Amino acid sequence: LAKSDELQRLVAQARRSYGSKDYMTAAAQLDAVIETCIWDVSSREMRADCFIQMGEIEKAIGDLKALSKLKNDNTQGFYKLSTIYYNLGDHEMSLK
């Protein structure tokens, strides 16, 4: 139960950090959450957005690829992934 309380606190802190556009802190807090809850879709989505805002595109791609397998009908995630690949100039991967 103590671990659960700690994770809930970290998620709340990450949301506050994300809301105040402190993406580096939010990503670090979400790292701690995802270490324990590796299948948590909402934490991975938020962390991917943090990575995008921080310019860490490769890390964002990793989270978005994981999300495409974790969440059914993840059209929004596929769109983000496609847009990232397109902006990187990898048009073939963008179309996949």
N, C-alpha and C. Protein backbone atom coordinates (compact mmCIF):
# COMPACT_ATOMS: atom_id res chain seq x y z
N LEU A 1 0.82 -1.20 0.00
CA LEU A 1 0.00 0.00 0.00
C LEU A 1 0.86 1.26 0.00
N ALA A 2 1.97 1.19 0.68
CA ALA A 2 2.86 2.35 0.73
C ALA A 2 3.36 2.69 -0.67
N LYS A 3 3.71 1.66 -1.44
CA LYS A 3 4.19 1.88 -2.82
C LYS A 3 3.09 2.49 -3.67
N SER A 4 1.87 2.03 -3.49
CA SER A 4 0.73 2.57 -4.23
C SER A 4 0.52 4.04 -3.91
N ASP A 5 0.60 4.40 -2.63
CA ASP A 5 0.46 5.80 -2.23
C ASP A 5 1.57 6.66 -2.85
N GLU A 6 2.78 6.12 -2.85
CA GLU A 6 3.91 6.83 -3.43
C GLU A 6 3.71 7.06 -4.93
N LEU A 7 3.22 6.04 -5.64
CA LEU A 7 2.97 6.16 -7.08
C LEU A 7 1.87 7.17 -7.37
N GLN A 8 0.81 7.16 -6.58
CA GLN A 8 -0.26 8.14 -6.77
C GLN A 8 0.26 9.55 -6.56
N ARG A 9 1.12 9.72 -5.55
CA ARG A 9 1.71 11.03 -5.28
C ARG A 9 2.59 11.47 -6.46
N LEU A 10 3.39 10.54 -6.99
CA LEU A 10 4.26 10.87 -8.13
C LEU A 10 3.46 11.24 -9.37
N VAL A 11 2.37 10.53 -9.62
CA VAL A 11 1.51 10.84 -10.77
C VAL A 11 0.91 12.24 -10.61
N ALA A 12 0.44 12.56 -9.40
CA ALA A 12 -0.13 13.89 -9.16
C ALA A 12 0.93 14.98 -9.35
N GLN A 13 2.14 14.73 -8.86
CA GLN A 13 3.23 15.70 -9.02
C GLN A 13 3.60 15.86 -10.50
N ALA A 14 3.62 14.75 -11.22
CA ALA A 14 3.94 14.80 -12.65
C ALA A 14 2.90 15.61 -13.41
N ARG A 15 1.65 15.44 -13.07
CA ARG A 15 0.59 16.22 -13.73
C ARG A 15 0.74 17.70 -13.44
N ARG A 16 1.08 18.04 -12.20
CA ARG A 16 1.30 19.46 -11.86
C ARG A 16 2.50 20.01 -12.62
N SER A 17 3.58 19.24 -12.66
CA SER A 17 4.79 19.68 -13.39
C SER A 17 4.48 19.86 -14.88
N TYR A 18 3.74 18.91 -15.43
CA TYR A 18 3.37 18.99 -16.85
C TYR A 18 2.49 20.22 -17.09
N GLY A 19 1.54 20.44 -16.20
CA GLY A 19 0.65 21.60 -16.33
C GLY A 19 1.40 22.92 -16.26
N SER A 20 2.48 22.96 -15.49
CA SER A 20 3.27 24.19 -15.39
C SER A 20 4.42 24.22 -16.41
N LYS A 21 4.38 23.28 -17.35
CA LYS A 21 5.33 23.19 -18.46
C LYS A 21 6.77 22.92 -18.01
N ASP A 22 6.90 22.25 -16.87
CA ASP A 22 8.20 21.80 -16.40
C ASP A 22 8.36 20.36 -16.85
N TYR A 23 8.63 20.20 -18.15
CA TYR A 23 8.61 18.89 -18.78
C TYR A 23 9.73 17.97 -18.29
N MET A 24 10.88 18.54 -17.97
CA MET A 24 11.99 17.71 -17.51
C MET A 24 11.65 17.05 -16.17
N THR A 25 11.10 17.82 -15.25
CA THR A 25 10.70 17.28 -13.95
C THR A 25 9.59 16.27 -14.11
N ALA A 26 8.61 16.59 -14.94
CA ALA A 26 7.49 15.67 -15.17
C ALA A 26 7.99 14.35 -15.74
N ALA A 27 8.91 14.40 -16.69
CA ALA A 27 9.44 13.18 -17.29
C ALA A 27 10.18 12.34 -16.26
N ALA A 28 10.95 12.98 -15.39
CA ALA A 28 11.68 12.26 -14.34
C ALA A 28 10.70 11.59 -13.37
N GLN A 29 9.64 12.30 -13.01
CA GLN A 29 8.65 11.72 -12.11
C GLN A 29 7.93 10.56 -12.79
N LEU A 30 7.63 10.70 -14.06
CA LEU A 30 6.96 9.63 -14.79
C LEU A 30 7.88 8.43 -14.99
N ASP A 31 9.18 8.67 -15.09
CA ASP A 31 10.12 7.55 -15.16
C ASP A 31 9.97 6.64 -13.95
N ALA A 32 9.87 7.27 -12.77
CA ALA A 32 9.72 6.51 -11.53
C ALA A 32 8.41 5.73 -11.52
N VAL A 33 7.36 6.32 -12.05
CA VAL A 33 6.06 5.64 -12.10
C VAL A 33 6.13 4.46 -13.06
N ILE A 34 6.71 4.68 -14.23
CA ILE A 34 6.73 3.65 -15.27
C ILE A 34 7.67 2.50 -14.91
N GLU A 35 8.66 2.75 -14.06
CA GLU A 35 9.51 1.66 -13.59
C GLU A 35 8.69 0.57 -12.90
N THR A 36 7.65 0.99 -12.18
CA THR A 36 6.80 0.05 -11.46
C THR A 36 5.58 -0.35 -12.27
N CYS A 37 4.96 0.60 -12.90
CA CYS A 37 3.73 0.37 -13.67
C CYS A 37 4.06 0.47 -15.17
N ILE A 38 4.72 -0.53 -15.69
CA ILE A 38 5.23 -0.44 -17.06
C ILE A 38 4.13 -0.41 -18.11
N TRP A 39 2.92 -0.81 -17.76
CA TRP A 39 1.82 -0.84 -18.73
C TRP A 39 0.87 0.34 -18.57
N ASP A 40 1.24 1.36 -17.80
CA ASP A 40 0.36 2.51 -17.56
C ASP A 40 0.33 3.42 -18.79
N VAL A 41 -0.77 3.37 -19.49
CA VAL A 41 -0.92 4.10 -20.76
C VAL A 41 -0.85 5.61 -20.55
N SER A 42 -1.57 6.14 -19.57
CA SER A 42 -1.62 7.59 -19.40
C SER A 42 -0.26 8.17 -19.02
N SER A 43 0.51 7.44 -18.21
CA SER A 43 1.84 7.93 -17.85
C SER A 43 2.77 7.93 -19.07
N ARG A 44 2.67 6.90 -19.89
CA ARG A 44 3.51 6.85 -21.10
C ARG A 44 3.11 7.95 -22.09
N GLU A 45 1.82 8.22 -22.21
CA GLU A 45 1.38 9.29 -23.11
C GLU A 45 1.93 10.63 -22.66
N MET A 46 1.81 10.89 -21.35
CA MET A 46 2.29 12.16 -20.83
C MET A 46 3.81 12.27 -20.98
N ARG A 47 4.52 11.17 -20.72
CA ARG A 47 5.97 11.20 -20.85
C ARG A 47 6.38 11.41 -22.31
N ALA A 48 5.67 10.80 -23.25
CA ALA A 48 5.96 11.02 -24.67
C ALA A 48 5.78 12.50 -25.02
N ASP A 49 4.72 13.10 -24.51
CA ASP A 49 4.51 14.53 -24.76
C ASP A 49 5.63 15.37 -24.15
N CYS A 50 6.08 14.99 -22.95
CA CYS A 50 7.20 15.69 -22.33
C CYS A 50 8.45 15.59 -23.20
N PHE A 51 8.73 14.38 -23.68
CA PHE A 51 9.90 14.19 -24.53
C PHE A 51 9.80 15.02 -25.81
N ILE A 52 8.62 15.10 -26.39
CA ILE A 52 8.43 15.91 -27.60
C ILE A 52 8.73 17.37 -27.28
N GLN A 53 8.20 17.87 -26.18
CA GLN A 53 8.41 19.26 -25.80
C GLN A 53 9.88 19.55 -25.49
N MET A 54 10.60 18.54 -24.97
CA MET A 54 12.01 18.71 -24.63
C MET A 54 12.92 18.49 -25.83
N GLY A 55 12.37 18.02 -26.95
CA GLY A 55 13.17 17.77 -28.14
C GLY A 55 13.85 16.42 -28.14
N GLU A 56 13.47 15.53 -27.25
CA GLU A 56 14.04 14.18 -27.16
C GLU A 56 13.18 13.24 -28.00
N ILE A 57 13.29 13.40 -29.30
CA ILE A 57 12.39 12.74 -30.24
C ILE A 57 12.53 11.22 -30.20
N GLU A 58 13.75 10.70 -30.09
CA GLU A 58 13.93 9.25 -30.08
C GLU A 58 13.22 8.61 -28.89
N LYS A 59 13.30 9.26 -27.72
CA LYS A 59 12.62 8.75 -26.53
C LYS A 59 11.10 8.81 -26.71
N ALA A 60 10.62 9.88 -27.33
CA ALA A 60 9.19 10.01 -27.59
C ALA A 60 8.72 8.91 -28.53
N ILE A 61 9.51 8.60 -29.54
CA ILE A 61 9.16 7.53 -30.47
C ILE A 61 9.06 6.21 -29.74
N GLY A 62 9.98 5.94 -28.83
CA GLY A 62 9.94 4.70 -28.06
C GLY A 62 8.65 4.56 -27.26
N ASP A 63 8.25 5.64 -26.59
CA ASP A 63 7.00 5.60 -25.82
C ASP A 63 5.79 5.48 -26.73
N LEU A 64 5.79 6.19 -27.84
CA LEU A 64 4.64 6.13 -28.75
C LEU A 64 4.50 4.75 -29.38
N LYS A 65 5.62 4.11 -29.67
CA LYS A 65 5.54 2.75 -30.22
C LYS A 65 4.97 1.80 -29.19
N ALA A 66 5.39 1.94 -27.94
CA ALA A 66 4.84 1.09 -26.87
C ALA A 66 3.35 1.35 -26.71
N LEU A 67 2.95 2.61 -26.80
CA LEU A 67 1.53 2.96 -26.67
C LEU A 67 0.69 2.36 -27.79
N SER A 68 1.27 2.26 -28.97
CA SER A 68 0.51 1.70 -30.10
C SER A 68 0.15 0.24 -29.85
N LYS A 69 0.93 -0.42 -29.00
CA LYS A 69 0.63 -1.81 -28.67
C LYS A 69 -0.23 -1.94 -27.41
N LEU A 70 -0.14 -0.96 -26.53
CA LEU A 70 -0.86 -1.02 -25.25
C LEU A 70 -2.31 -0.58 -25.34
N LYS A 71 -2.59 0.34 -26.24
CA LYS A 71 -3.92 0.96 -26.29
C LYS A 71 -4.62 0.58 -27.59
N ASN A 72 -5.82 0.02 -27.47
CA ASN A 72 -6.60 -0.32 -28.65
C ASN A 72 -7.03 0.94 -29.38
N ASP A 73 -7.04 0.87 -30.70
CA ASP A 73 -7.48 1.99 -31.53
C ASP A 73 -6.81 3.30 -31.11
N ASN A 74 -5.51 3.31 -31.12
CA ASN A 74 -4.74 4.48 -30.70
C ASN A 74 -4.43 5.37 -31.91
N THR A 75 -5.46 5.87 -32.53
CA THR A 75 -5.32 6.70 -33.73
C THR A 75 -4.49 7.94 -33.44
N GLN A 76 -4.73 8.57 -32.31
CA GLN A 76 -3.99 9.78 -31.95
C GLN A 76 -2.50 9.49 -31.80
N GLY A 77 -2.17 8.37 -31.18
CA GLY A 77 -0.77 7.99 -31.02
C GLY A 77 -0.09 7.70 -32.34
N PHE A 78 -0.80 6.99 -33.23
CA PHE A 78 -0.25 6.71 -34.55
C PHE A 78 -0.04 8.01 -35.33
N TYR A 79 -0.96 8.95 -35.19
CA TYR A 79 -0.84 10.23 -35.87
C TYR A 79 0.40 10.99 -35.37
N LYS A 80 0.60 11.02 -34.04
CA LYS A 80 1.78 11.69 -33.49
C LYS A 80 3.06 11.04 -34.01
N LEU A 81 3.08 9.72 -33.99
CA LEU A 81 4.25 8.99 -34.46
C LEU A 81 4.52 9.27 -35.93
N SER A 82 3.47 9.26 -36.72
CA SER A 82 3.60 9.54 -38.15
C SER A 82 4.12 10.96 -38.39
N THR A 83 3.61 11.91 -37.64
CA THR A 83 4.03 13.30 -37.77
C THR A 83 5.50 13.47 -37.40
N ILE A 84 5.91 12.80 -36.34
CA ILE A 84 7.32 12.88 -35.93
C ILE A 84 8.22 12.34 -37.03
N TYR A 85 7.90 11.15 -37.54
CA TYR A 85 8.72 10.58 -38.60
C TYR A 85 8.73 11.48 -39.84
N TYR A 86 7.59 12.06 -40.18
CA TYR A 86 7.51 12.96 -41.34
C TYR A 86 8.42 14.17 -41.13
N ASN A 87 8.36 14.76 -39.93
CA ASN A 87 9.19 15.93 -39.64
C ASN A 87 10.68 15.60 -39.62
N LEU A 88 11.01 14.34 -39.30
CA LEU A 88 12.41 13.91 -39.34
C LEU A 88 12.88 13.61 -40.76
N GLY A 89 11.94 13.60 -41.70
CA GLY A 89 12.28 13.33 -43.09
C GLY A 89 12.20 11.87 -43.47
N ASP A 90 11.71 11.03 -42.58
CA ASP A 90 11.58 9.61 -42.85
C ASP A 90 10.15 9.34 -43.33
N HIS A 91 9.90 9.66 -44.57
CA HIS A 91 8.55 9.60 -45.13
C HIS A 91 8.03 8.17 -45.21
N GLU A 92 8.91 7.22 -45.46
CA GLU A 92 8.48 5.82 -45.53
C GLU A 92 7.94 5.33 -44.19
N MET A 93 8.67 5.64 -43.10
CA MET A 93 8.20 5.25 -41.76
C MET A 93 6.95 6.02 -41.40
N SER A 94 6.85 7.24 -41.85
CA SER A 94 5.66 8.05 -41.58
C SER A 94 4.42 7.39 -42.16
N LEU A 95 4.54 6.83 -43.34
CA LEU A 95 3.40 6.18 -43.98
C LEU A 95 3.06 4.82 -43.35
N LYS A 96 4.06 4.16 -42.79
CA LYS A 96 3.80 2.88 -42.12
C LYS A 96 2.96 3.11 -40.89
